[in-house]
Amino acid sequence: MITDTQQTLIEQVRAWKEENAAEHGFSIDAIVESARHRQESSGRRIIRLKKGQQEDDVEAKPPPAC
């Protein structure tokens, strides 16, 4: 059973997703490009796995210098 608080969060997430999609013309390529740009500019470590690769196989690398 979903509580009222959980339902509110679900509705907020869905509204954000719809707004984000609309901002990018509902183009999955534009949405992904924007997300990658935000990730790259965050300064946080990003792990991109190749298909079939496990996270344990990834060598830790420091975030890029700002």
PDB file of N, CA and C in Angstrom:
ATOM      1  N   MET A   1       0.835  -1.183   0.000  1.00  0.00           N
ATOM      2  CA  MET A   1       0.000   0.000   0.000  1.00  0.00           C
ATOM      3  C   MET A   1       0.883   1.252   0.000  1.00  0.00           C
ATOM      4  N   ILE A   2       0.525   2.181  -0.794  1.00  0.00           N
ATOM      5  CA  ILE A   2       1.283   3.427  -0.923  1.00  0.00           C
ATOM      6  C   ILE A   2       0.666   4.482   0.001  1.00  0.00           C
ATOM      7  N   THR A   3       1.531   5.130   0.773  1.00  0.00           N
ATOM      8  CA  THR A   3       1.055   6.185   1.671  1.00  0.00           C
ATOM      9  C   THR A   3       0.835   7.466   0.880  1.00  0.00           C
ATOM     10  N   ASP A   4       0.163   8.425   1.506  1.00  0.00           N
ATOM     11  CA  ASP A   4      -0.069   9.719   0.852  1.00  0.00           C
ATOM     12  C   ASP A   4       1.246  10.411   0.537  1.00  0.00           C
ATOM     13  N   THR A   5       2.221  10.302   1.441  1.00  0.00           N
ATOM     14  CA  THR A   5       3.533  10.918   1.217  1.00  0.00           C
ATOM     15  C   THR A   5       4.222  10.289   0.013  1.00  0.00           C
ATOM     16  N   GLN A   6       4.177   8.970  -0.062  1.00  0.00           N
ATOM     17  CA  GLN A   6       4.780   8.275  -1.208  1.00  0.00           C
ATOM     18  C   GLN A   6       4.082   8.658  -2.502  1.00  0.00           C
ATOM     19  N   GLN A   7       2.756   8.751  -2.462  1.00  0.00           N
ATOM     20  CA  GLN A   7       1.998   9.125  -3.659  1.00  0.00           C
ATOM     21  C   GLN A   7       2.375  10.527  -4.121  1.00  0.00           C
ATOM     22  N   THR A   8       2.545  11.432  -3.165  1.00  0.00           N
ATOM     23  CA  THR A   8       2.954  12.801  -3.498  1.00  0.00           C
ATOM     24  C   THR A   8       4.325  12.800  -4.161  1.00  0.00           C
ATOM     25  N   LEU A   9       5.253  12.017  -3.622  1.00  0.00           N
ATOM     26  CA  LEU A   9       6.592  11.929  -4.215  1.00  0.00           C
ATOM     27  C   LEU A   9       6.523  11.359  -5.627  1.00  0.00           C
ATOM     28  N   ILE A  10       5.741  10.324  -5.814  1.00  0.00           N
ATOM     29  CA  ILE A  10       5.599   9.722  -7.141  1.00  0.00           C
ATOM     30  C   ILE A  10       5.063  10.750  -8.130  1.00  0.00           C
ATOM     31  N   GLU A  11       4.048  11.494  -7.715  1.00  0.00           N
ATOM     32  CA  GLU A  11       3.466  12.523  -8.584  1.00  0.00           C
ATOM     33  C   GLU A  11       4.483  13.609  -8.908  1.00  0.00           C
ATOM     34  N   GLN A  12       5.289  14.006  -7.922  1.00  0.00           N
ATOM     35  CA  GLN A  12       6.303  15.034  -8.153  1.00  0.00           C
ATOM     36  C   GLN A  12       7.363  14.548  -9.135  1.00  0.00           C
ATOM     37  N   VAL A  13       7.802  13.304  -8.976  1.00  0.00           N
ATOM     38  CA  VAL A  13       8.805  12.745  -9.887  1.00  0.00           C
ATOM     39  C   VAL A  13       8.248  12.664 -11.303  1.00  0.00           C
ATOM     40  N   ARG A  14       7.023  12.206 -11.435  1.00  0.00           N
ATOM     41  CA  ARG A  14       6.404  12.117 -12.768  1.00  0.00           C
ATOM     42  C   ARG A  14       6.258  13.494 -13.402  1.00  0.00           C
ATOM     43  N   ALA A  15       5.890  14.495 -12.600  1.00  0.00           N
ATOM     44  CA  ALA A  15       5.761  15.854 -13.120  1.00  0.00           C
ATOM     45  C   ALA A  15       7.120  16.382 -13.575  1.00  0.00           C
ATOM     46  N   TRP A  16       8.173  16.107 -12.779  1.00  0.00           N
ATOM     47  CA  TRP A  16       9.520  16.553 -13.161  1.00  0.00           C
ATOM     48  C   TRP A  16       9.958  15.875 -14.463  1.00  0.00           C
ATOM     49  N   LYS A  17       9.707  14.566 -14.565  1.00  0.00           N
ATOM     50  CA  LYS A  17      10.076  13.837 -15.783  1.00  0.00           C
ATOM     51  C   LYS A  17       9.356  14.410 -16.998  1.00  0.00           C
ATOM     52  N   GLU A  18       8.081  14.723 -16.864  1.00  0.00           N
ATOM     53  CA  GLU A  18       7.306  15.291 -17.972  1.00  0.00           C
ATOM     54  C   GLU A  18       7.851  16.668 -18.358  1.00  0.00           C
ATOM     55  N   GLU A  19       8.150  17.476 -17.349  1.00  0.00           N
ATOM     56  CA  GLU A  19       8.702  18.817 -17.599  1.00  0.00           C
ATOM     57  C   GLU A  19      10.065  18.720 -18.290  1.00  0.00           C
ATOM     58  N   ASN A  20      10.913  17.825 -17.810  1.00  0.00           N
ATOM     59  CA  ASN A  20      12.239  17.643 -18.400  1.00  0.00           C
ATOM     60  C   ASN A  20      12.123  17.178 -19.851  1.00  0.00           C
ATOM     61  N   ALA A  21      11.233  16.232 -20.094  1.00  0.00           N
ATOM     62  CA  ALA A  21      11.033  15.732 -21.457  1.00  0.00           C
ATOM     63  C   ALA A  21      10.526  16.849 -22.367  1.00  0.00           C
ATOM     64  N   ALA A  22       9.597  17.644 -21.880  1.00  0.00           N
ATOM     65  CA  ALA A  22       9.048  18.743 -22.683  1.00  0.00           C
ATOM     66  C   ALA A  22      10.128  19.772 -23.016  1.00  0.00           C
ATOM     67  N   GLU A  23      11.007  20.057 -22.042  1.00  0.00           N
ATOM     68  CA  GLU A  23      12.096  21.017 -22.278  1.00  0.00           C
ATOM     69  C   GLU A  23      13.026  20.557 -23.397  1.00  0.00           C
ATOM     70  N   HIS A  24      13.086  19.246 -23.612  1.00  0.00           N
ATOM     71  CA  HIS A  24      13.984  18.698 -24.626  1.00  0.00           C
ATOM     72  C   HIS A  24      13.217  18.163 -25.835  1.00  0.00           C
ATOM     73  N   GLY A  25      11.999  18.671 -26.006  1.00  0.00           N
ATOM     74  CA  GLY A  25      11.213  18.304 -27.178  1.00  0.00           C
ATOM     75  C   GLY A  25      10.865  16.816 -27.215  1.00  0.00           C
ATOM     76  N   PHE A  26      10.815  16.184 -26.068  1.00  0.00           N
ATOM     77  CA  PHE A  26      10.509  14.753 -25.950  1.00  0.00           C
ATOM     78  C   PHE A  26      11.471  13.888 -26.766  1.00  0.00           C
ATOM     79  N   SER A  27      12.680  14.414 -26.974  1.00  0.00           N
ATOM     80  CA  SER A  27      13.721  13.685 -27.710  1.00  0.00           C
ATOM     81  C   SER A  27      14.616  12.962 -26.715  1.00  0.00           C
ATOM     82  N   ILE A  28      14.631  11.634 -26.783  1.00  0.00           N
ATOM     83  CA  ILE A  28      15.455  10.864 -25.852  1.00  0.00           C
ATOM     84  C   ILE A  28      16.931  11.218 -26.026  1.00  0.00           C
ATOM     85  N   ASP A  29      17.363  11.476 -27.248  1.00  0.00           N
ATOM     86  CA  ASP A  29      18.766  11.856 -27.476  1.00  0.00           C
ATOM     87  C   ASP A  29      19.099  13.166 -26.768  1.00  0.00           C
ATOM     88  N   ALA A  30      18.203  14.151 -26.838  1.00  0.00           N
ATOM     89  CA  ALA A  30      18.439  15.440 -26.183  1.00  0.00           C
ATOM     90  C   ALA A  30      18.410  15.293 -24.663  1.00  0.00           C
ATOM     91  N   ILE A  31      17.512  14.454 -24.164  1.00  0.00           N
ATOM     92  CA  ILE A  31      17.425  14.235 -22.719  1.00  0.00           C
ATOM     93  C   ILE A  31      18.712  13.594 -22.210  1.00  0.00           C
ATOM     94  N   VAL A  32      19.196  12.576 -22.903  1.00  0.00           N
ATOM     95  CA  VAL A  32      20.420  11.881 -22.493  1.00  0.00           C
ATOM     96  C   VAL A  32      21.621  12.819 -22.595  1.00  0.00           C
ATOM     97  N   GLU A  33      21.708  13.591 -23.662  1.00  0.00           N
ATOM     98  CA  GLU A  33      22.823  14.536 -23.820  1.00  0.00           C
ATOM     99  C   GLU A  33      22.840  15.538 -22.668  1.00  0.00           C
ATOM    100  N   SER A  34      21.695  16.046 -22.296  1.00  0.00           N
ATOM    101  CA  SER A  34      21.601  16.996 -21.186  1.00  0.00           C
ATOM    102  C   SER A  34      22.014  16.345 -19.872  1.00  0.00           C
ATOM    103  N   ALA A  35      21.567  15.121 -19.649  1.00  0.00           N
ATOM    104  CA  ALA A  35      21.925  14.407 -18.417  1.00  0.00           C
ATOM    105  C   ALA A  35      23.429  14.169 -18.352  1.00  0.00           C
ATOM    106  N   ARG A  36      24.019  13.782 -19.464  1.00  0.00           N
ATOM    107  CA  ARG A  36      25.471  13.552 -19.477  1.00  0.00           C
ATOM    108  C   ARG A  36      26.235  14.845 -19.222  1.00  0.00           C
ATOM    109  N   HIS A  37      25.739  15.942 -19.783  1.00  0.00           N
ATOM    110  CA  HIS A  37      26.387  17.235 -19.553  1.00  0.00           C
ATOM    111  C   HIS A  37      26.338  17.589 -18.059  1.00  0.00           C
ATOM    112  N   ARG A  38      25.183  17.381 -17.421  1.00  0.00           N
ATOM    113  CA  ARG A  38      25.066  17.648 -15.980  1.00  0.00           C
ATOM    114  C   ARG A  38      26.015  16.758 -15.196  1.00  0.00           C
ATOM    115  N   GLN A  39      26.122  15.492 -15.580  1.00  0.00           N
ATOM    116  CA  GLN A  39      27.014  14.577 -14.884  1.00  0.00           C
ATOM    117  C   GLN A  39      28.465  15.033 -15.006  1.00  0.00           C
ATOM    118  N   GLU A  40      28.875  15.348 -16.226  1.00  0.00           N
ATOM    119  CA  GLU A  40      30.262  15.761 -16.467  1.00  0.00           C
ATOM    120  C   GLU A  40      30.604  17.042 -15.708  1.00  0.00           C
ATOM    121  N   SER A  41      29.668  17.976 -15.636  1.00  0.00           N
ATOM    122  CA  SER A  41      29.962  19.251 -14.980  1.00  0.00           C
ATOM    123  C   SER A  41      29.796  19.191 -13.462  1.00  0.00           C
ATOM    124  N   SER A  42      29.319  18.057 -12.931  1.00  0.00           N
ATOM    125  CA  SER A  42      29.097  17.943 -11.488  1.00  0.00           C
ATOM    126  C   SER A  42      30.399  17.792 -10.705  1.00  0.00           C
ATOM    127  N   GLY A  43      31.452  17.285 -11.374  1.00  0.00           N
ATOM    128  CA  GLY A  43      32.713  17.061 -10.682  1.00  0.00           C
ATOM    129  C   GLY A  43      32.741  15.752  -9.910  1.00  0.00           C
ATOM    130  N   ARG A  44      31.653  15.001  -9.954  1.00  0.00           N
ATOM    131  CA  ARG A  44      31.601  13.720  -9.256  1.00  0.00           C
ATOM    132  C   ARG A  44      32.143  12.615 -10.141  1.00  0.00           C
ATOM    133  N   ARG A  45      32.582  11.548  -9.516  1.00  0.00           N
ATOM    134  CA  ARG A  45      33.083  10.395 -10.255  1.00  0.00           C
ATOM    135  C   ARG A  45      31.923   9.721 -10.982  1.00  0.00           C
ATOM    136  N   ILE A  46      32.130   9.424 -12.244  1.00  0.00           N
ATOM    137  CA  ILE A  46      31.104   8.788 -13.067  1.00  0.00           C
ATOM    138  C   ILE A  46      31.634   7.450 -13.545  1.00  0.00           C
ATOM    139  N   ILE A  47      30.827   6.437 -13.403  1.00  0.00           N
ATOM    140  CA  ILE A  47      31.201   5.106 -13.878  1.00  0.00           C
ATOM    141  C   ILE A  47      30.282   4.754 -15.034  1.00  0.00           C
ATOM    142  N   ARG A  48      30.851   4.515 -16.180  1.00  0.00           N
ATOM    143  CA  ARG A  48      30.072   4.074 -17.334  1.00  0.00           C
ATOM    144  C   ARG A  48      30.517   2.661 -17.666  1.00  0.00           C
ATOM    145  N   LEU A  49      29.630   1.728 -17.513  1.00  0.00           N
ATOM    146  CA  LEU A  49      29.953   0.335 -17.759  1.00  0.00           C
ATOM    147  C   LEU A  49      29.660  -0.022 -19.211  1.00  0.00           C
ATOM    148  N   LYS A  50      30.537  -0.847 -19.762  1.00  0.00           N
ATOM    149  CA  LYS A  50      30.278  -1.403 -21.077  1.00  0.00           C
ATOM    150  C   LYS A  50      29.264  -2.517 -20.904  1.00  0.00           C
ATOM    151  N   LYS A  51      28.554  -2.829 -21.952  1.00  0.00           N
ATOM    152  CA  LYS A  51      27.539  -3.872 -21.886  1.00  0.00           C
ATOM    153  C   LYS A  51      28.157  -5.160 -21.343  1.00  0.00           C
ATOM    154  N   GLY A  52      27.559  -5.709 -20.290  1.00  0.00           N
ATOM    155  CA  GLY A  52      28.032  -6.946 -19.692  1.00  0.00           C
ATOM    156  C   GLY A  52      29.121  -6.770 -18.649  1.00  0.00           C
ATOM    157  N   GLN A  53      29.672  -5.564 -18.515  1.00  0.00           N
ATOM    158  CA  GLN A  53      30.750  -5.318 -17.563  1.00  0.00           C
ATOM    159  C   GLN A  53      30.163  -5.126 -16.165  1.00  0.00           C
ATOM    160  N   GLN A  54      30.840  -5.656 -15.167  1.00  0.00           N
ATOM    161  CA  GLN A  54      30.426  -5.510 -13.775  1.00  0.00           C
ATOM    162  C   GLN A  54      31.149  -4.317 -13.157  1.00  0.00           C
ATOM    163  N   GLU A  55      30.511  -3.655 -12.209  1.00  0.00           N
ATOM    164  CA  GLU A  55      31.111  -2.492 -11.562  1.00  0.00           C
ATOM    165  C   GLU A  55      32.423  -2.851 -10.877  1.00  0.00           C
ATOM    166  N   ASP A  56      32.541  -4.097 -10.384  1.00  0.00           N
ATOM    167  CA  ASP A  56      33.776  -4.532  -9.719  1.00  0.00           C
ATOM    168  C   ASP A  56      34.962  -4.530 -10.660  1.00  0.00           C
ATOM    169  N   ASP A  57      34.716  -4.614 -11.978  1.00  0.00           N
ATOM    170  CA  ASP A  57      35.777  -4.652 -12.978  1.00  0.00           C
ATOM    171  C   ASP A  57      36.310  -3.276 -13.343  1.00  0.00           C
ATOM    172  N   VAL A  58      35.698  -2.211 -12.815  1.00  0.00           N
ATOM    173  CA  VAL A  58      36.057  -0.855 -13.184  1.00  0.00           C
ATOM    174  C   VAL A  58      37.163  -0.349 -12.269  1.00  0.00           C
ATOM    175  N   GLU A  59      38.188   0.227 -12.889  1.00  0.00           N
ATOM    176  CA  GLU A  59      39.281   0.812 -12.123  1.00  0.00           C
ATOM    177  C   GLU A  59      38.861   2.203 -11.663  1.00  0.00           C
ATOM    178  N   ALA A  60      39.033   2.500 -10.398  1.00  0.00           N
ATOM    179  CA  ALA A  60      38.654   3.800  -9.857  1.00  0.00           C
ATOM    180  C   ALA A  60      39.535   4.895 -10.427  1.00  0.00           C
ATOM    181  N   LYS A  61      38.897   5.939 -10.918  1.00  0.00           N
ATOM    182  CA  LYS A  61      39.624   7.091 -11.463  1.00  0.00           C
ATOM    183  C   LYS A  61      39.119   8.339 -10.761  1.00  0.00           C
ATOM    184  N   PRO A  62      40.006   9.279 -10.462  1.00  0.00           N
ATOM    185  CA  PRO A  62      39.551  10.506  -9.807  1.00  0.00           C
ATOM    186  C   PRO A  62      38.707  11.337 -10.763  1.00  0.00           C
ATOM    187  N   PRO A  63      37.850  12.229 -10.228  1.00  0.00           N
ATOM    188  CA  PRO A  63      37.066  13.086 -11.099  1.00  0.00           C
ATOM    189  C   PRO A  63      37.977  14.036 -11.875  1.00  0.00           C
ATOM    190  N   PRO A  64      37.505  14.538 -13.005  1.00  0.00           N
ATOM    191  CA  PRO A  64      38.322  15.448 -13.801  1.00  0.00           C
ATOM    192  C   PRO A  64      38.606  16.743 -13.051  1.00  0.00           C
ATOM    193  N   ALA A  65      39.731  17.329 -13.317  1.00  0.00           N
ATOM    194  CA  ALA A  65      40.096  18.602 -12.677  1.00  0.00           C
ATOM    195  C   ALA A  65      39.201  19.707 -13.190  1.00  0.00           C
ATOM    196  N   CYS A  66      38.799  20.567 -12.284  1.00  0.00           N
ATOM    197  CA  CYS A  66      37.920  21.681 -12.679  1.00  0.00           C
ATOM    198  C   CYS A  66      38.723  22.891 -13.082  1.00  0.00           C
TER     199      CYS A  66
END
